[in-house]
């Protein structure tokens, strides 16, 4: 752009954002991450959450007569199912907002990352109340929490400061 064009764009005579914009750059990683999250959530739902509600499994964990019984199993399993379903729907909503380049997307992504971290910590704390779950813990939950902390530390500032984000999600 020449200086006259830049001056017109600055004064608002053009609706074209200045600088980098579009769904490229680091936003490609965000897209990949959102799709990967959807795939992982669907896998978790069908591999772990829904089978826990099958009659035999549910009774094994929630029946007072079972050796695996603990009062927290019912609430924890229910919490995880609700969390997974809502997070799956939220990811889909975010992707729609992403491709429509909505102004709200940066806030949605900050909510997405911080909520994921918070719910991971809550889930870990709940599972630590169940002796059988404590025994089964292999450190993967703590690794997931650490990964979420690192993710928040990288991507939340990116969505706050990035010129590409500001120029892409302007409506």
C-alpha atoms as a PDB file:
ATOM      1  CA  UNK A   1       0.000   0.000   0.000  1.00  0.00           C
ATOM      2  CA  UNK A   2       1.247   3.464  -0.717  1.00  0.00           C
ATOM      3  CA  UNK A   3       1.044   6.182   1.945  1.00  0.00           C
ATOM      4  CA  UNK A   4      -2.224   7.583   0.525  1.00  0.00           C
ATOM      5  CA  UNK A   5      -3.884   4.166   0.676  1.00  0.00           C
ATOM      6  CA  UNK A   6      -2.602   3.604   4.202  1.00  0.00           C
ATOM      7  CA  UNK A   7      -3.935   6.996   5.264  1.00  0.00           C
ATOM      8  CA  UNK A   8      -7.368   6.243   3.745  1.00  0.00           C
ATOM      9  CA  UNK A   9      -7.446   2.836   5.440  1.00  0.00           C
ATOM     10  CA  UNK A  10      -6.541   4.417   8.769  1.00  0.00           C
ATOM     11  CA  UNK A  11      -9.309   7.022   8.385  1.00  0.00           C
ATOM     12  CA  UNK A  12     -11.801   4.200   7.776  1.00  0.00           C
ATOM     13  CA  UNK A  13     -12.464   4.749   4.069  1.00  0.00           C
ATOM     14  CA  UNK A  14     -11.630   1.101   3.443  1.00  0.00           C
ATOM     15  CA  UNK A  15     -12.942  -1.787   5.481  1.00  0.00           C
ATOM     16  CA  UNK A  16      -9.793  -3.812   4.829  1.00  0.00           C
ATOM     17  CA  UNK A  17      -7.804  -4.494   7.998  1.00  0.00           C
ATOM     18  CA  UNK A  18      -4.181  -3.428   8.008  1.00  0.00           C
ATOM     19  CA  UNK A  19      -1.428  -6.014   8.580  1.00  0.00           C
ATOM     20  CA  UNK A  20      -1.749  -9.767   8.608  1.00  0.00           C
ATOM     21  CA  UNK A  21      -5.177 -11.332   8.693  1.00  0.00           C
ATOM     22  CA  UNK A  22      -6.927 -14.511   7.692  1.00  0.00           C
ATOM     23  CA  UNK A  23      -7.084 -18.021   9.042  1.00  0.00           C
ATOM     24  CA  UNK A  24      -3.440 -18.778   8.298  1.00  0.00           C
ATOM     25  CA  UNK A  25      -0.353 -18.475  10.455  1.00  0.00           C
ATOM     26  CA  UNK A  26      -0.642 -19.805  13.983  1.00  0.00           C
ATOM     27  CA  UNK A  27      -4.427 -20.001  13.594  1.00  0.00           C
ATOM     28  CA  UNK A  28      -3.869 -23.173  11.551  1.00  0.00           C
ATOM     29  CA  UNK A  29      -2.677 -24.848  14.757  1.00  0.00           C
ATOM     30  CA  UNK A  30      -5.810 -23.653  16.528  1.00  0.00           C
ATOM     31  CA  UNK A  31      -7.982 -25.239  13.836  1.00  0.00           C
ATOM     32  CA  UNK A  32      -6.079 -28.514  14.056  1.00  0.00           C
ATOM     33  CA  UNK A  33      -6.388 -28.429  17.846  1.00  0.00           C
ATOM     34  CA  UNK A  34     -10.138 -27.847  17.732  1.00  0.00           C
ATOM     35  CA  UNK A  35     -10.687 -30.730  15.306  1.00  0.00           C
ATOM     36  CA  UNK A  36      -8.410 -32.964  17.390  1.00  0.00           C
ATOM     37  CA  UNK A  37     -10.389 -32.032  20.500  1.00  0.00           C
ATOM     38  CA  UNK A  38     -13.645 -32.983  18.801  1.00  0.00           C
ATOM     39  CA  UNK A  39     -12.213 -36.355  17.754  1.00  0.00           C
ATOM     40  CA  UNK A  40     -10.838 -36.985  21.259  1.00  0.00           C
ATOM     41  CA  UNK A  41     -14.129 -35.989  22.897  1.00  0.00           C
ATOM     42  CA  UNK A  42     -16.105 -38.349  20.659  1.00  0.00           C
ATOM     43  CA  UNK A  43     -13.602 -41.119  21.414  1.00  0.00           C
ATOM     44  CA  UNK A  44     -13.856 -40.473  25.171  1.00  0.00           C
ATOM     45  CA  UNK A  45     -17.630 -40.448  25.048  1.00  0.00           C
ATOM     46  CA  UNK A  46     -17.881 -43.792  23.291  1.00  0.00           C
ATOM     47  CA  UNK A  47     -14.876 -45.446  24.920  1.00  0.00           C
ATOM     48  CA  UNK A  48     -15.354 -44.371  28.556  1.00  0.00           C
ATOM     49  CA  UNK A  49     -18.305 -42.139  29.419  1.00  0.00           C
ATOM     50  CA  UNK A  50     -21.233 -43.928  27.774  1.00  0.00           C
ATOM     51  CA  UNK A  51     -20.055 -47.470  28.681  1.00  0.00           C
ATOM     52  CA  UNK A  52     -19.924 -46.394  32.343  1.00  0.00           C
ATOM     53  CA  UNK A  53     -23.697 -45.932  32.188  1.00  0.00           C
ATOM     54  CA  UNK A  54     -24.311 -49.487  30.999  1.00  0.00           C
ATOM     55  CA  UNK A  55     -26.263 -51.330  33.664  1.00  0.00           C
ATOM     56  CA  UNK A  56     -23.511 -53.755  34.712  1.00  0.00           C
ATOM     57  CA  UNK A  57     -20.778 -51.145  34.945  1.00  0.00           C
ATOM     58  CA  UNK A  58     -22.974 -48.597  36.675  1.00  0.00           C
ATOM     59  CA  UNK A  59     -24.096 -51.132  39.286  1.00  0.00           C
ATOM     60  CA  UNK A  60     -20.538 -52.374  39.785  1.00  0.00           C
ATOM     61  CA  UNK A  61     -19.394 -48.872  40.695  1.00  0.00           C
ATOM     62  CA  UNK A  62     -22.464 -47.424  42.403  1.00  0.00           C
ATOM     63  CA  UNK A  63     -24.083 -50.376  44.185  1.00  0.00           C
ATOM     64  CA  UNK A  64     -23.316 -50.525  47.910  1.00  0.00           C
ATOM     65  CA  UNK A  65     -23.021 -54.303  47.638  1.00  0.00           C
ATOM     66  CA  UNK A  66     -20.136 -54.092  45.139  1.00  0.00           C
ATOM     67  CA  UNK A  67     -16.506 -54.313  46.215  1.00  0.00           C
ATOM     68  CA  UNK A  68     -15.749 -51.399  43.832  1.00  0.00           C
ATOM     69  CA  UNK A  69     -18.431 -49.151  45.298  1.00  0.00           C
ATOM     70  CA  UNK A  70     -17.665 -45.615  46.307  1.00  0.00           C
ATOM     71  CA  UNK A  71     -20.190 -42.851  46.929  1.00  0.00           C
ATOM     72  CA  UNK A  72     -18.322 -40.543  44.505  1.00  0.00           C
ATOM     73  CA  UNK A  73     -18.483 -42.817  41.435  1.00  0.00           C
ATOM     74  CA  UNK A  74     -21.983 -41.720  40.390  1.00  0.00           C
ATOM     75  CA  UNK A  75     -21.299 -37.973  40.603  1.00  0.00           C
ATOM     76  CA  UNK A  76     -17.871 -38.271  38.948  1.00  0.00           C
ATOM     77  CA  UNK A  77     -19.136 -40.370  36.038  1.00  0.00           C
ATOM     78  CA  UNK A  78     -22.099 -38.035  35.547  1.00  0.00           C
ATOM     79  CA  UNK A  79     -19.846 -34.961  35.742  1.00  0.00           C
ATOM     80  CA  UNK A  80     -17.511 -36.401  33.114  1.00  0.00           C
ATOM     81  CA  UNK A  81     -20.370 -37.257  30.746  1.00  0.00           C
ATOM     82  CA  UNK A  82     -21.940 -33.799  31.023  1.00  0.00           C
ATOM     83  CA  UNK A  83     -18.541 -32.122  30.682  1.00  0.00           C
ATOM     84  CA  UNK A  84     -17.626 -34.155  27.586  1.00  0.00           C
ATOM     85  CA  UNK A  85     -20.950 -33.563  25.837  1.00  0.00           C
ATOM     86  CA  UNK A  86     -20.994 -29.831  26.592  1.00  0.00           C
ATOM     87  CA  UNK A  87     -17.344 -29.412  25.631  1.00  0.00           C
ATOM     88  CA  UNK A  88     -17.957 -31.267  22.364  1.00  0.00           C
ATOM     89  CA  UNK A  89     -20.863 -28.942  21.547  1.00  0.00           C
ATOM     90  CA  UNK A  90     -18.788 -25.917  22.588  1.00  0.00           C
ATOM     91  CA  UNK A  91     -15.982 -26.978  20.217  1.00  0.00           C
ATOM     92  CA  UNK A  92     -18.471 -27.220  17.372  1.00  0.00           C
ATOM     93  CA  UNK A  93     -19.832 -23.768  18.217  1.00  0.00           C
ATOM     94  CA  UNK A  94     -16.309 -22.340  18.336  1.00  0.00           C
ATOM     95  CA  UNK A  95     -15.488 -23.788  14.913  1.00  0.00           C
ATOM     96  CA  UNK A  96     -18.608 -22.195  13.436  1.00  0.00           C
ATOM     97  CA  UNK A  97     -17.638 -18.831  14.944  1.00  0.00           C
ATOM     98  CA  UNK A  98     -14.071 -19.378  13.772  1.00  0.00           C
ATOM     99  CA  UNK A  99     -14.979 -19.847  10.111  1.00  0.00           C
ATOM    100  CA  UNK A 100     -17.474 -16.994  10.259  1.00  0.00           C
ATOM    101  CA  UNK A 101     -14.650 -14.870  11.662  1.00  0.00           C
ATOM    102  CA  UNK A 102     -16.792 -13.569  14.486  1.00  0.00           C
ATOM    103  CA  UNK A 103     -15.527 -10.883  16.834  1.00  0.00           C
ATOM    104  CA  UNK A 104     -16.381 -13.073  19.835  1.00  0.00           C
ATOM    105  CA  UNK A 105     -13.961 -15.854  18.852  1.00  0.00           C
ATOM    106  CA  UNK A 106     -10.938 -14.646  20.852  1.00  0.00           C
ATOM    107  CA  UNK A 107     -13.095 -14.545  24.008  1.00  0.00           C
ATOM    108  CA  UNK A 108     -14.508 -17.982  23.231  1.00  0.00           C
ATOM    109  CA  UNK A 109     -11.002 -19.394  22.860  1.00  0.00           C
ATOM    110  CA  UNK A 110      -9.904 -17.893  26.175  1.00  0.00           C
ATOM    111  CA  UNK A 111     -12.987 -19.415  27.816  1.00  0.00           C
ATOM    112  CA  UNK A 112     -12.273 -22.724  26.051  1.00  0.00           C
ATOM    113  CA  UNK A 113      -8.684 -22.985  27.295  1.00  0.00           C
ATOM    114  CA  UNK A 114      -9.310 -21.745  30.825  1.00  0.00           C
ATOM    115  CA  UNK A 115     -12.429 -23.900  31.273  1.00  0.00           C
ATOM    116  CA  UNK A 116     -10.567 -26.951  30.025  1.00  0.00           C
ATOM    117  CA  UNK A 117      -7.874 -26.348  32.646  1.00  0.00           C
ATOM    118  CA  UNK A 118     -10.365 -25.676  35.439  1.00  0.00           C
ATOM    119  CA  UNK A 119     -12.506 -28.732  34.680  1.00  0.00           C
ATOM    120  CA  UNK A 120      -9.398 -30.913  34.391  1.00  0.00           C
ATOM    121  CA  UNK A 121      -8.362 -29.839  37.885  1.00  0.00           C
ATOM    122  CA  UNK A 122     -11.882 -30.423  39.250  1.00  0.00           C
ATOM    123  CA  UNK A 123     -12.075 -33.863  37.644  1.00  0.00           C
ATOM    124  CA  UNK A 124      -8.658 -34.801  39.065  1.00  0.00           C
ATOM    125  CA  UNK A 125      -9.683 -33.608  42.543  1.00  0.00           C
ATOM    126  CA  UNK A 126     -12.921 -35.588  42.389  1.00  0.00           C
ATOM    127  CA  UNK A 127     -11.159 -38.750  41.246  1.00  0.00           C
ATOM    128  CA  UNK A 128      -8.631 -38.404  44.056  1.00  0.00           C
ATOM    129  CA  UNK A 129     -11.512 -38.938  46.497  1.00  0.00           C
ATOM    130  CA  UNK A 130     -11.983 -42.491  45.183  1.00  0.00           C
ATOM    131  CA  UNK A 131      -9.334 -44.995  46.398  1.00  0.00           C
ATOM    132  CA  UNK A 132      -9.688 -47.227  43.306  1.00  0.00           C
ATOM    133  CA  UNK A 133      -9.204 -44.235  40.994  1.00  0.00           C
ATOM    134  CA  UNK A 134      -6.179 -43.127  43.039  1.00  0.00           C
ATOM    135  CA  UNK A 135      -4.602 -46.567  42.571  1.00  0.00           C
ATOM    136  CA  UNK A 136      -5.304 -46.491  38.839  1.00  0.00           C
ATOM    137  CA  UNK A 137      -3.778 -43.000  38.404  1.00  0.00           C
ATOM    138  CA  UNK A 138      -0.602 -43.367  36.377  1.00  0.00           C
ATOM    139  CA  UNK A 139       0.328 -39.702  36.255  1.00  0.00           C
ATOM    140  CA  UNK A 140      -1.531 -39.042  33.008  1.00  0.00           C
ATOM    141  CA  UNK A 141      -4.055 -36.766  34.718  1.00  0.00           C
ATOM    142  CA  UNK A 142      -1.310 -34.565  36.122  1.00  0.00           C
ATOM    143  CA  UNK A 143       0.406 -34.510  32.712  1.00  0.00           C
ATOM    144  CA  UNK A 144      -2.903 -33.426  31.154  1.00  0.00           C
ATOM    145  CA  UNK A 145      -3.231 -30.627  33.719  1.00  0.00           C
ATOM    146  CA  UNK A 146       0.341 -29.480  33.057  1.00  0.00           C
ATOM    147  CA  UNK A 147      -0.332 -29.581  29.308  1.00  0.00           C
ATOM    148  CA  UNK A 148      -3.430 -27.429  29.868  1.00  0.00           C
ATOM    149  CA  UNK A 149      -1.410 -24.933  31.917  1.00  0.00           C
ATOM    150  CA  UNK A 150       1.188 -24.648  29.139  1.00  0.00           C
ATOM    151  CA  UNK A 151      -1.567 -24.366  26.539  1.00  0.00           C
ATOM    152  CA  UNK A 152      -3.208 -21.535  28.493  1.00  0.00           C
ATOM    153  CA  UNK A 153       0.148 -19.801  28.949  1.00  0.00           C
ATOM    154  CA  UNK A 154       0.744 -19.834  25.180  1.00  0.00           C
ATOM    155  CA  UNK A 155      -2.640 -19.405  23.532  1.00  0.00           C
ATOM    156  CA  UNK A 156      -4.495 -17.044  25.871  1.00  0.00           C
ATOM    157  CA  UNK A 157      -1.873 -14.289  25.438  1.00  0.00           C
ATOM    158  CA  UNK A 158      -1.847 -15.041  21.702  1.00  0.00           C
ATOM    159  CA  UNK A 159      -5.595 -14.392  21.446  1.00  0.00           C
ATOM    160  CA  UNK A 160      -5.199 -11.203  23.484  1.00  0.00           C
ATOM    161  CA  UNK A 161      -2.169  -9.718  21.687  1.00  0.00           C
ATOM    162  CA  UNK A 162      -2.043 -11.140  18.158  1.00  0.00           C
ATOM    163  CA  UNK A 163      -2.372  -8.705  15.276  1.00  0.00           C
ATOM    164  CA  UNK A 164      -3.658 -11.536  13.045  1.00  0.00           C
ATOM    165  CA  UNK A 165      -6.398 -12.365  15.558  1.00  0.00           C
ATOM    166  CA  UNK A 166      -7.439  -8.710  15.866  1.00  0.00           C
ATOM    167  CA  UNK A 167      -7.513  -8.265  12.090  1.00  0.00           C
ATOM    168  CA  UNK A 168      -9.257 -11.562  11.319  1.00  0.00           C
ATOM    169  CA  UNK A 169     -12.044 -11.548  13.899  1.00  0.00           C
ATOM    170  CA  UNK A 170     -13.359  -8.030  13.384  1.00  0.00           C
ATOM    171  CA  UNK A 171     -17.124  -8.468  12.876  1.00  0.00           C
END
